Amino acid sequence: MTTSCPKKYPGLDAVGALHRLYLICPVMDAVASNAMLTGRFTRLQHLKRQIISDITREGMGGLQIVRGGLIASGDVHVMDTLVATRILSRPHTPIRILAANNFSISATDASGRLTNSIFLNSEAMECTSDRLVIRDKEGRLLFSATRDEVLVGARHLTVKGEGGAVFSGSVQTAHVTAPVREALLLESLTRSLEVTAPQGVALESRAGTITASCLHDFTLQSTGGVVSHQHTQ
């Protein structure tokens, strides 16, 4: 803080004016510093009274301490990691979890090692687990996936893509059918196609024809019986 003092005072000589100037400037600096500290102390006291008034026996502000956990009213902002056993919303109130860039949920074992995780960002959703299981509300298995097997527990598996379904290995199923008014095509583009069953294989067209065509020989063979042809009207 700079204070300008007149160089000359009426009735005082130059030496007296300099002494007066040396006395007035430190006093004015002390007054300004005292006023600044007083303002800060007043704001701190107001903030302290506000914090103390928000603290009760049940909690602080919108945060209440109850048996078995905490209840937060309004939005909760987590600046770092949130560790919890359960996260519940109030009855008839939805819960929303928002993240600026990505969101992840992880589970660890007794040793603290990561076992399962779900990672979600603006481009993809990734799930890391040894087994993925989806059940309906009654507990019936709908989908299960492991490294060795993918199991679909639904009554029907429908593929809506125009290109159909592509399998690099074998497919085991009891029934392969096409949608109503759609054709069924089983095709292998580069290798052979084999249909086997321990008791029998039935090919049936209930309202149309069955066509078989090949580039080379067409062979019908029976190792333990006969090859018969029946025509019915």
Protein backbone atom coordinates (compact mmCIF):
# COMPACT_ATOMS: atom_id res chain seq x y z
CA MET A 1 0.00 0.00 0.00
CA THR A 2 1.54 3.33 -1.07
CA THR A 3 0.73 6.59 0.70
CA SER A 4 1.78 9.92 -0.62
CA CYS A 5 2.66 12.47 2.02
CA PRO A 6 3.26 16.12 1.32
CA LYS A 7 6.84 17.14 1.29
CA LYS A 8 6.19 20.26 3.37
CA TYR A 9 3.98 20.90 6.35
CA PRO A 10 3.21 24.38 7.59
CA GLY A 11 5.27 25.22 10.66
CA LEU A 12 7.56 22.22 10.45
CA ASP A 13 11.01 22.01 9.07
CA ALA A 14 12.22 19.32 6.66
CA VAL A 15 13.58 17.07 9.41
CA GLY A 16 10.31 17.10 11.30
CA ALA A 17 8.37 16.29 8.14
CA LEU A 18 10.54 13.24 7.46
CA HIS A 19 10.05 11.95 11.01
CA ARG A 20 6.30 12.43 10.73
CA LEU A 21 6.30 10.60 7.40
CA TYR A 22 8.20 7.64 8.85
CA LEU A 23 5.64 7.39 11.66
CA ILE A 24 2.47 7.73 9.58
CA CYS A 25 3.30 5.19 6.81
CA PRO A 26 3.85 2.14 9.11
CA VAL A 27 0.71 3.01 11.04
CA MET A 28 -1.36 3.12 7.86
CA ASP A 29 0.10 -0.20 6.72
CA ALA A 30 -0.77 -1.75 10.06
CA VAL A 31 -4.34 -0.41 9.84
CA ALA A 32 -4.80 -1.86 6.33
CA SER A 33 -3.39 -5.26 7.36
CA ASN A 34 -5.62 -5.33 10.41
CA ALA A 35 -8.70 -4.59 8.29
CA MET A 36 -7.79 -7.40 5.86
CA LEU A 37 -7.26 -9.91 8.64
CA THR A 38 -10.51 -8.86 10.30
CA GLY A 39 -12.43 -9.51 7.07
CA ARG A 40 -10.91 -12.94 6.64
CA PHE A 41 -11.56 -13.83 10.26
CA THR A 42 -15.20 -12.78 9.90
CA ARG A 43 -15.68 -14.97 6.83
CA LEU A 44 -14.05 -17.93 8.57
CA GLN A 45 -16.29 -17.49 11.59
CA HIS A 46 -19.38 -17.39 9.34
CA LEU A 47 -18.25 -20.54 7.53
CA LYS A 48 -17.52 -22.24 10.85
CA ARG A 49 -21.00 -21.42 12.19
CA GLN A 50 -22.55 -22.72 8.96
CA ILE A 51 -20.64 -26.02 9.16
CA ILE A 52 -21.45 -26.46 12.83
CA SER A 53 -25.15 -25.76 12.20
CA ASP A 54 -25.18 -28.48 9.48
CA ILE A 55 -23.64 -31.08 11.80
CA THR A 56 -26.22 -32.97 13.85
CA ARG A 57 -26.38 -36.31 15.61
CA GLU A 58 -27.74 -37.89 12.40
CA GLY A 59 -24.98 -36.58 10.11
CA MET A 60 -23.80 -33.46 8.30
CA GLY A 61 -25.96 -31.54 5.83
CA GLY A 62 -27.47 -33.91 3.26
CA LEU A 63 -25.44 -36.84 4.61
CA GLN A 64 -27.11 -38.90 7.33
CA ILE A 65 -25.55 -41.72 9.31
CA VAL A 66 -27.91 -44.65 9.83
CA ARG A 67 -27.52 -48.20 11.03
CA GLY A 68 -25.54 -50.10 8.42
CA GLY A 69 -24.51 -47.20 6.20
CA LEU A 70 -25.10 -43.65 5.01
CA ILE A 71 -28.02 -41.83 3.34
CA ALA A 72 -27.22 -38.97 0.97
CA SER A 73 -29.88 -36.49 -0.12
CA GLY A 74 -29.45 -34.96 -3.57
CA ASP A 75 -26.48 -35.47 -5.87
CA VAL A 76 -23.29 -37.13 -4.65
CA HIS A 77 -20.01 -36.19 -6.32
CA VAL A 78 -17.21 -38.73 -5.95
CA MET A 79 -13.78 -37.22 -6.62
CA ASP A 80 -11.83 -40.49 -6.39
CA THR A 81 -12.64 -44.14 -5.75
CA LEU A 82 -15.90 -45.17 -4.07
CA VAL A 83 -15.74 -48.41 -2.07
CA ALA A 84 -19.09 -49.87 -0.97
CA THR A 85 -20.86 -53.18 -0.52
CA ARG A 86 -24.28 -51.94 -1.70
CA ILE A 87 -25.58 -48.84 -3.47
CA LEU A 88 -29.37 -48.40 -3.24
CA SER A 89 -31.81 -45.68 -4.21
CA ARG A 90 -34.87 -44.53 -2.30
CA PRO A 91 -38.13 -46.42 -2.95
CA HIS A 92 -39.75 -45.42 -6.26
CA THR A 93 -36.71 -43.28 -7.12
CA PRO A 94 -34.36 -44.21 -9.98
CA ILE A 95 -30.61 -44.11 -9.56
CA ARG A 96 -28.32 -42.48 -12.11
CA ILE A 97 -24.55 -42.83 -12.37
CA LEU A 98 -22.82 -40.29 -14.62
CA ALA A 99 -19.15 -40.09 -15.53
CA ALA A 100 -17.32 -37.47 -17.56
CA ASN A 101 -15.09 -39.87 -19.52
CA ASN A 102 -15.55 -43.49 -18.43
CA PHE A 103 -17.11 -45.56 -15.68
CA SER A 104 -15.88 -48.85 -14.25
CA ILE A 105 -17.05 -51.34 -11.63
CA SER A 106 -14.59 -53.88 -10.22
CA ALA A 107 -14.67 -56.77 -7.76
CA THR A 108 -11.70 -58.22 -5.92
CA ASP A 109 -11.02 -61.41 -4.04
CA ALA A 110 -9.85 -61.80 -0.43
CA SER A 111 -6.27 -61.04 -1.50
CA GLY A 112 -7.26 -57.79 -3.20
CA ARG A 113 -6.69 -59.09 -6.73
CA LEU A 114 -9.06 -57.97 -9.47
CA THR A 115 -11.47 -60.77 -10.47
CA ASN A 116 -14.31 -59.15 -12.45
CA SER A 117 -14.80 -55.71 -13.95
CA ILE A 118 -17.16 -53.73 -16.18
CA PHE A 119 -15.73 -50.81 -18.16
CA LEU A 120 -17.95 -48.30 -19.96
CA ASN A 121 -16.94 -45.30 -22.05
CA SER A 122 -18.34 -43.33 -25.00
CA GLU A 123 -17.21 -45.95 -27.53
CA ALA A 124 -17.66 -49.41 -26.01
CA MET A 125 -18.65 -51.51 -23.03
CA GLU A 126 -16.24 -54.21 -21.87
CA CYS A 127 -16.82 -56.97 -19.35
CA THR A 128 -13.89 -58.95 -17.95
CA SER A 129 -14.85 -62.17 -16.21
CA ASP A 130 -14.30 -65.92 -16.33
CA ARG A 131 -18.06 -66.43 -16.82
CA LEU A 132 -20.90 -64.20 -17.97
CA VAL A 133 -24.41 -65.21 -16.88
CA ILE A 134 -27.77 -63.57 -17.68
CA ARG A 135 -30.97 -64.73 -15.94
CA ASP A 136 -34.58 -63.61 -16.05
CA LYS A 137 -36.54 -62.32 -13.06
CA GLU A 138 -37.48 -65.86 -12.05
CA GLY A 139 -33.88 -67.04 -12.01
CA ARG A 140 -33.99 -69.08 -15.23
CA LEU A 141 -30.81 -69.10 -17.27
CA LEU A 142 -31.00 -67.08 -20.48
CA PHE A 143 -27.36 -66.78 -21.50
CA SER A 144 -24.04 -68.10 -20.23
CA ALA A 145 -20.59 -67.66 -21.74
CA THR A 146 -17.20 -69.08 -20.72
CA ARG A 147 -13.95 -69.68 -22.56
CA ASP A 148 -15.07 -73.20 -23.54
CA GLU A 149 -18.84 -72.86 -24.03
CA VAL A 150 -21.60 -70.40 -24.87
CA LEU A 151 -25.04 -71.52 -23.69
CA VAL A 152 -28.35 -69.96 -24.74
CA GLY A 153 -31.17 -70.93 -22.40
CA ALA A 154 -33.97 -69.07 -24.19
CA ARG A 155 -36.65 -71.07 -25.96
CA HIS A 156 -35.74 -69.64 -29.37
CA LEU A 157 -32.53 -68.11 -30.72
CA THR A 158 -33.34 -65.73 -33.60
CA VAL A 159 -30.71 -64.15 -35.84
CA LYS A 160 -32.03 -61.00 -37.54
CA GLY A 161 -28.96 -60.11 -39.61
CA GLU A 162 -29.17 -60.23 -43.40
CA GLY A 163 -26.04 -62.37 -43.60
CA GLY A 164 -27.36 -64.96 -41.15
CA ALA A 165 -25.15 -66.61 -38.56
CA VAL A 166 -21.54 -67.67 -39.19
CA PHE A 167 -19.94 -70.45 -37.12
CA SER A 168 -16.26 -71.34 -37.34
CA GLY A 169 -16.75 -74.68 -35.54
CA SER A 170 -19.53 -77.20 -35.04
CA VAL A 171 -23.10 -76.41 -33.98
CA GLN A 172 -25.15 -78.76 -31.81
CA THR A 173 -28.91 -78.22 -31.77
CA ALA A 174 -32.07 -80.28 -31.91
CA HIS A 175 -33.98 -78.05 -34.32
CA VAL A 176 -33.02 -75.64 -37.12
CA THR A 177 -35.89 -73.76 -38.70
CA ALA A 178 -36.47 -70.66 -40.79
CA PRO A 179 -38.96 -67.89 -39.96
CA VAL A 180 -42.42 -68.00 -41.49
CA ARG A 181 -42.35 -67.34 -45.27
CA GLU A 182 -38.56 -67.39 -45.29
CA ALA A 183 -36.21 -69.93 -46.87
CA LEU A 184 -33.72 -71.99 -44.87
CA LEU A 185 -30.19 -72.18 -46.30
CA LEU A 186 -27.33 -74.21 -44.84
CA GLU A 187 -24.14 -73.37 -46.69
CA SER A 188 -20.39 -73.81 -46.45
CA LEU A 189 -18.53 -71.40 -48.72
CA THR A 190 -15.09 -73.06 -48.79
CA ARG A 191 -15.32 -76.42 -47.02
CA SER A 192 -17.80 -79.28 -46.66
CA LEU A 193 -21.10 -79.24 -44.78
CA GLU A 194 -22.01 -82.25 -42.66
CA VAL A 195 -25.26 -82.97 -40.83
CA THR A 196 -25.12 -85.94 -38.43
CA ALA A 197 -27.34 -87.38 -35.71
CA PRO A 198 -27.19 -90.64 -33.69
CA GLN A 199 -30.77 -91.73 -34.51
CA GLY A 200 -31.68 -90.03 -37.76
CA VAL A 201 -31.73 -86.87 -39.87
CA ALA A 202 -35.04 -85.60 -41.27
CA LEU A 203 -35.37 -83.02 -44.06
CA GLU A 204 -38.93 -81.77 -44.45
CA SER A 205 -40.60 -79.08 -46.50
CA ARG A 206 -44.22 -78.75 -45.42
CA ALA A 207 -45.39 -76.41 -48.17
CA GLY A 208 -42.71 -76.46 -50.87
CA THR A 209 -39.87 -78.43 -52.41
CA ILE A 210 -36.40 -79.60 -51.36
CA THR A 211 -33.57 -79.08 -53.85
CA ALA A 212 -30.10 -80.66 -53.74
CA SER A 213 -27.44 -79.70 -56.28
CA CYS A 214 -23.69 -80.24 -56.55
CA LEU A 215 -20.78 -79.71 -58.93
CA HIS A 216 -19.53 -83.30 -58.98
CA ASP A 217 -21.06 -86.65 -57.96
CA PHE A 218 -24.25 -86.91 -55.92
CA THR A 219 -24.16 -90.03 -53.73
CA LEU A 220 -26.82 -91.64 -51.53
CA GLN A 221 -25.42 -94.45 -49.38
CA SER A 222 -26.83 -96.64 -46.61
CA THR A 223 -24.36 -98.79 -44.66
CA GLY A 224 -26.90 -100.88 -42.78
CA GLY A 225 -30.11 -100.68 -44.80
CA VAL A 226 -31.51 -99.72 -48.17
CA VAL A 227 -32.02 -96.48 -50.05
CA SER A 228 -35.72 -96.20 -50.87
CA HIS A 229 -37.81 -93.72 -52.78
CA GLN A 230 -41.46 -93.20 -51.97
CA HIS A 231 -43.95 -91.03 -53.79
CA THR A 232 -47.32 -90.23 -52.20
CA GLN A 233 -50.20 -88.15 -53.53
